[in-house]
Every structure is written in C-alpha cells, then in structure tokens.
Amino acid sequence: MKKAKKLFESYRWVGEISNKTIIELKKTSDILEEVHNIFFNRFQISSTKFNVLVLLYTSEKEGLMLSELGKEMLVTKANITGLVDRLQKQGLVERKRHHLDRRKIMAVITEKGKKFTKRIMDDYKEWSKYVMTILDDNEKKQLVNLLQKLQTGLIEGELV
C-alpha cells in the first residue's frame, strides 16, 4: 500500500477540473491496481492471468482461440501466448487444436483451472464488497453510471 500512498501524493500539482478529473481517475485506477495485486498475490496469480481464466471459465464454448483471447484482453499475440504458456505450466489451461481448422490453437480451461477460478471468483466477490464499503449503494450506482457514460463517450468519440 506504500506505492498507492505515493501515487496519491504525487498528483497534488493538478488544478483545472478537466485535468483533475482525468488525473483522479488515473490515480484511482493505479491505486485499485495495487489493491488488486495484493488480492491476487494471495493466490499466486496476476490479475491478467485471472482475466484469461475468467474468459475461459465463462465462455459458452469449450475453449477460445488464442486470437480471440488476445482481442478480448486487448493484448498482442505474443502476450497472450506467454500468458497461456504460464497458465499451462500451472496446469490451469491446456492447448488444443481447433476441430475444424487444425492450424488454429485454442486455450481450454482444465478441471483444476475451473476449481481454482471458481474459488478466486467467490473470494473476489466478497473482497470487492469489503473494498467498496467506502461508498454507500447510491454512490456506487452513481459512480458506475458516470464511469459508463465516460467509457461510452471515449469509445464513440473514437479516442480509443
């Protein structure tokens, strides 16, 4: 949490409200990332690896092509390959050839991966409730609405 506190202090120079809004969002994102890291370190997994597992766990298909995973996670082919490699070494994911096109490789979550992901998801739900006790329910709803409005505006404004 020292890193999060340092981040908080380092943005005191910002003044104008538009700048301040962006900086506060970025700062909050950085602090949340640090808090996330602390949570996921308990399971000896990164939040990025966990996101791969969640995508595979919640997929209606038996597995997902590596290219699909990369697009969903907004990472390069090299990054998704490395992530799947590391998850495979842990026994949480395996690679399979696509049944129609053997050139395509799919990532499939293993039974061990399913149990592991389910356990983390359950803990995450409880943990996130605890973390968000900082805000009351109305504040959470208002924050979600504002963030979704901002996300939509950024995407529709083609800023991403």
Protein backbone atom coordinates (compact mmCIF):
# COMPACT_ATOMS: atom_id res chain seq x y z
CA MET A 1 0.00 0.00 0.00
CA LYS A 2 3.01 2.31 0.24
CA LYS A 3 3.04 2.51 -3.55
CA ALA A 4 -0.64 3.54 -3.58
CA LYS A 5 0.01 6.24 -0.99
CA LYS A 6 2.94 7.56 -3.04
CA LEU A 7 0.72 7.68 -6.14
CA PHE A 8 -1.88 9.64 -4.20
CA GLU A 9 0.68 12.22 -3.10
CA SER A 10 2.37 12.58 -6.50
CA TYR A 11 -0.61 14.22 -8.25
CA ARG A 12 -1.09 17.24 -5.98
CA TRP A 13 0.12 19.62 -8.75
CA VAL A 14 -3.04 19.25 -10.86
CA GLY A 15 -5.51 22.15 -10.71
CA GLU A 16 -8.03 22.65 -13.57
CA ILE A 17 -11.15 20.46 -13.22
CA SER A 18 -10.86 18.55 -16.53
CA ASN A 19 -7.21 17.78 -15.82
CA LYS A 20 -8.02 16.98 -12.23
CA THR A 21 -10.82 14.60 -13.27
CA ILE A 22 -8.55 12.65 -15.60
CA ILE A 23 -5.72 12.57 -13.08
CA GLU A 24 -8.07 11.44 -10.28
CA LEU A 25 -9.41 8.64 -12.48
CA LYS A 26 -5.89 7.56 -13.39
CA LYS A 27 -4.74 7.77 -9.80
CA THR A 28 -7.74 5.73 -8.63
CA SER A 29 -7.05 3.18 -11.36
CA ASP A 30 -3.42 2.89 -10.25
CA ILE A 31 -4.41 2.54 -6.59
CA LEU A 32 -7.03 -0.09 -7.47
CA GLU A 33 -4.44 -1.96 -9.50
CA GLU A 34 -2.15 -2.04 -6.46
CA VAL A 35 -5.04 -3.22 -4.25
CA HIS A 36 -5.87 -5.86 -6.89
CA ASN A 37 -2.27 -7.05 -6.92
CA ILE A 38 -2.37 -7.56 -3.16
CA PHE A 39 -5.58 -9.61 -3.52
CA PHE A 40 -4.31 -11.77 -6.40
CA ASN A 41 -0.89 -12.31 -4.80
CA ARG A 42 -2.67 -14.39 -2.15
CA PHE A 43 -3.44 -16.87 -4.93
CA GLN A 44 -0.02 -16.50 -6.58
CA ILE A 45 -1.59 -15.29 -9.81
CA SER A 46 -1.69 -11.96 -11.63
CA SER A 47 -4.95 -10.18 -12.38
CA THR A 48 -4.13 -10.57 -16.09
CA LYS A 49 -3.83 -14.36 -15.81
CA PHE A 50 -7.03 -14.39 -13.77
CA ASN A 51 -8.81 -12.46 -16.54
CA VAL A 52 -7.76 -15.15 -19.04
CA LEU A 53 -9.12 -17.84 -16.72
CA VAL A 54 -12.41 -15.97 -16.26
CA LEU A 55 -12.85 -15.59 -20.03
CA LEU A 56 -12.30 -19.32 -20.48
CA TYR A 57 -14.41 -20.26 -17.45
CA THR A 58 -17.40 -18.16 -18.52
CA SER A 59 -17.17 -18.95 -22.24
CA GLU A 60 -20.09 -20.85 -23.72
CA LYS A 61 -17.62 -22.64 -25.99
CA GLU A 62 -15.30 -25.46 -24.93
CA GLY A 63 -12.34 -23.11 -25.36
CA LEU A 64 -11.27 -19.93 -27.09
CA MET A 65 -8.78 -19.39 -29.87
CA LEU A 66 -5.69 -17.55 -28.73
CA SER A 67 -6.50 -14.76 -31.20
CA GLU A 68 -9.97 -14.36 -29.61
CA LEU A 69 -8.45 -14.19 -26.14
CA GLY A 70 -5.96 -11.58 -27.30
CA LYS A 71 -8.71 -9.41 -28.78
CA GLU A 72 -10.87 -9.70 -25.65
CA MET A 73 -7.95 -8.77 -23.42
CA LEU A 74 -6.57 -6.10 -25.78
CA VAL A 75 -3.11 -7.71 -25.79
CA THR A 76 -0.76 -8.80 -28.56
CA LYS A 77 -0.44 -12.36 -29.85
CA ALA A 78 2.94 -12.63 -28.13
CA ASN A 79 1.45 -11.54 -24.80
CA ILE A 80 -1.46 -13.98 -24.96
CA THR A 81 0.89 -16.78 -25.97
CA GLY A 82 3.07 -16.07 -22.93
CA LEU A 83 0.06 -15.88 -20.61
CA VAL A 84 -1.31 -19.19 -21.86
CA ASP A 85 2.17 -20.75 -21.60
CA ARG A 86 2.40 -19.79 -17.93
CA LEU A 87 -1.16 -20.93 -17.18
CA GLN A 88 -0.43 -24.22 -18.94
CA LYS A 89 2.68 -24.76 -16.78
CA GLN A 90 0.46 -24.31 -13.73
CA GLY A 91 -1.95 -26.94 -15.07
CA LEU A 92 -4.82 -24.44 -15.27
CA VAL A 93 -5.13 -24.32 -19.07
CA GLU A 94 -4.29 -26.63 -21.94
CA ARG A 95 -3.91 -26.06 -25.65
CA LYS A 96 -5.99 -27.94 -28.20
CA ARG A 97 -6.15 -27.78 -31.96
CA HIS A 98 -9.39 -26.44 -33.40
CA HIS A 99 -11.58 -29.35 -34.57
CA LEU A 100 -12.30 -27.78 -37.99
CA ASP A 101 -9.02 -26.00 -38.69
CA ARG A 102 -6.03 -27.77 -37.16
CA ARG A 103 -3.85 -24.69 -37.74
CA LYS A 104 -5.81 -22.80 -35.10
CA ILE A 105 -4.92 -23.31 -31.46
CA MET A 106 -7.44 -22.99 -28.67
CA ALA A 107 -6.95 -22.47 -24.96
CA VAL A 108 -9.15 -24.70 -22.83
CA ILE A 109 -9.51 -24.41 -19.07
CA THR A 110 -8.74 -27.63 -17.16
CA GLU A 111 -10.76 -29.03 -14.26
CA LYS A 112 -8.03 -27.77 -11.92
CA GLY A 113 -8.35 -24.37 -13.62
CA LYS A 114 -12.13 -24.36 -13.18
CA LYS A 115 -11.89 -25.11 -9.45
CA PHE A 116 -9.14 -22.54 -8.99
CA THR A 117 -11.05 -19.86 -10.92
CA LYS A 118 -14.32 -20.55 -9.08
CA ARG A 119 -12.56 -20.25 -5.71
CA ILE A 120 -10.97 -16.92 -6.65
CA MET A 121 -14.23 -15.60 -8.14
CA ASP A 122 -16.09 -16.40 -4.92
CA ASP A 123 -13.40 -14.76 -2.79
CA TYR A 124 -13.26 -11.79 -5.17
CA LYS A 125 -16.99 -11.14 -4.81
CA GLU A 126 -16.67 -10.99 -1.02
CA TRP A 127 -13.45 -9.00 -1.15
CA SER A 128 -14.88 -6.41 -3.57
CA LYS A 129 -17.91 -5.91 -1.30
CA TYR A 130 -15.50 -5.20 1.55
CA VAL A 131 -13.34 -2.84 -0.54
CA MET A 132 -16.37 -0.92 -1.75
CA THR A 133 -17.83 -0.34 1.74
CA ILE A 134 -16.10 3.02 1.34
CA LEU A 135 -19.13 4.08 -0.75
CA ASP A 136 -22.82 3.60 0.01
CA ASP A 137 -25.06 1.88 -2.56
CA ASN A 138 -26.31 5.14 -4.10
CA GLU A 139 -22.74 6.40 -4.51
CA LYS A 140 -21.73 3.11 -6.14
CA LYS A 141 -24.64 3.33 -8.61
CA GLN A 142 -23.84 6.96 -9.38
CA LEU A 143 -20.16 6.13 -9.89
CA VAL A 144 -20.96 3.19 -12.18
CA ASN A 145 -23.30 5.39 -14.26
CA LEU A 146 -20.71 8.15 -14.59
CA LEU A 147 -17.92 5.71 -15.49
CA GLN A 148 -20.10 4.00 -18.11
CA LYS A 149 -21.04 7.40 -19.57
CA LEU A 150 -17.35 8.31 -19.78
CA GLN A 151 -16.41 4.95 -21.33
CA THR A 152 -19.16 5.25 -23.95
CA GLY A 153 -18.15 8.83 -24.76
CA LEU A 154 -14.49 7.90 -25.15
CA ILE A 155 -15.32 4.96 -27.42
CA GLU A 156 -17.91 6.82 -29.51
CA GLY A 157 -15.60 9.82 -29.74
CA GLU A 158 -13.04 7.42 -31.18
CA LEU A 159 -10.49 8.41 -28.55
CA VAL A 160 -9.52 4.75 -28.11
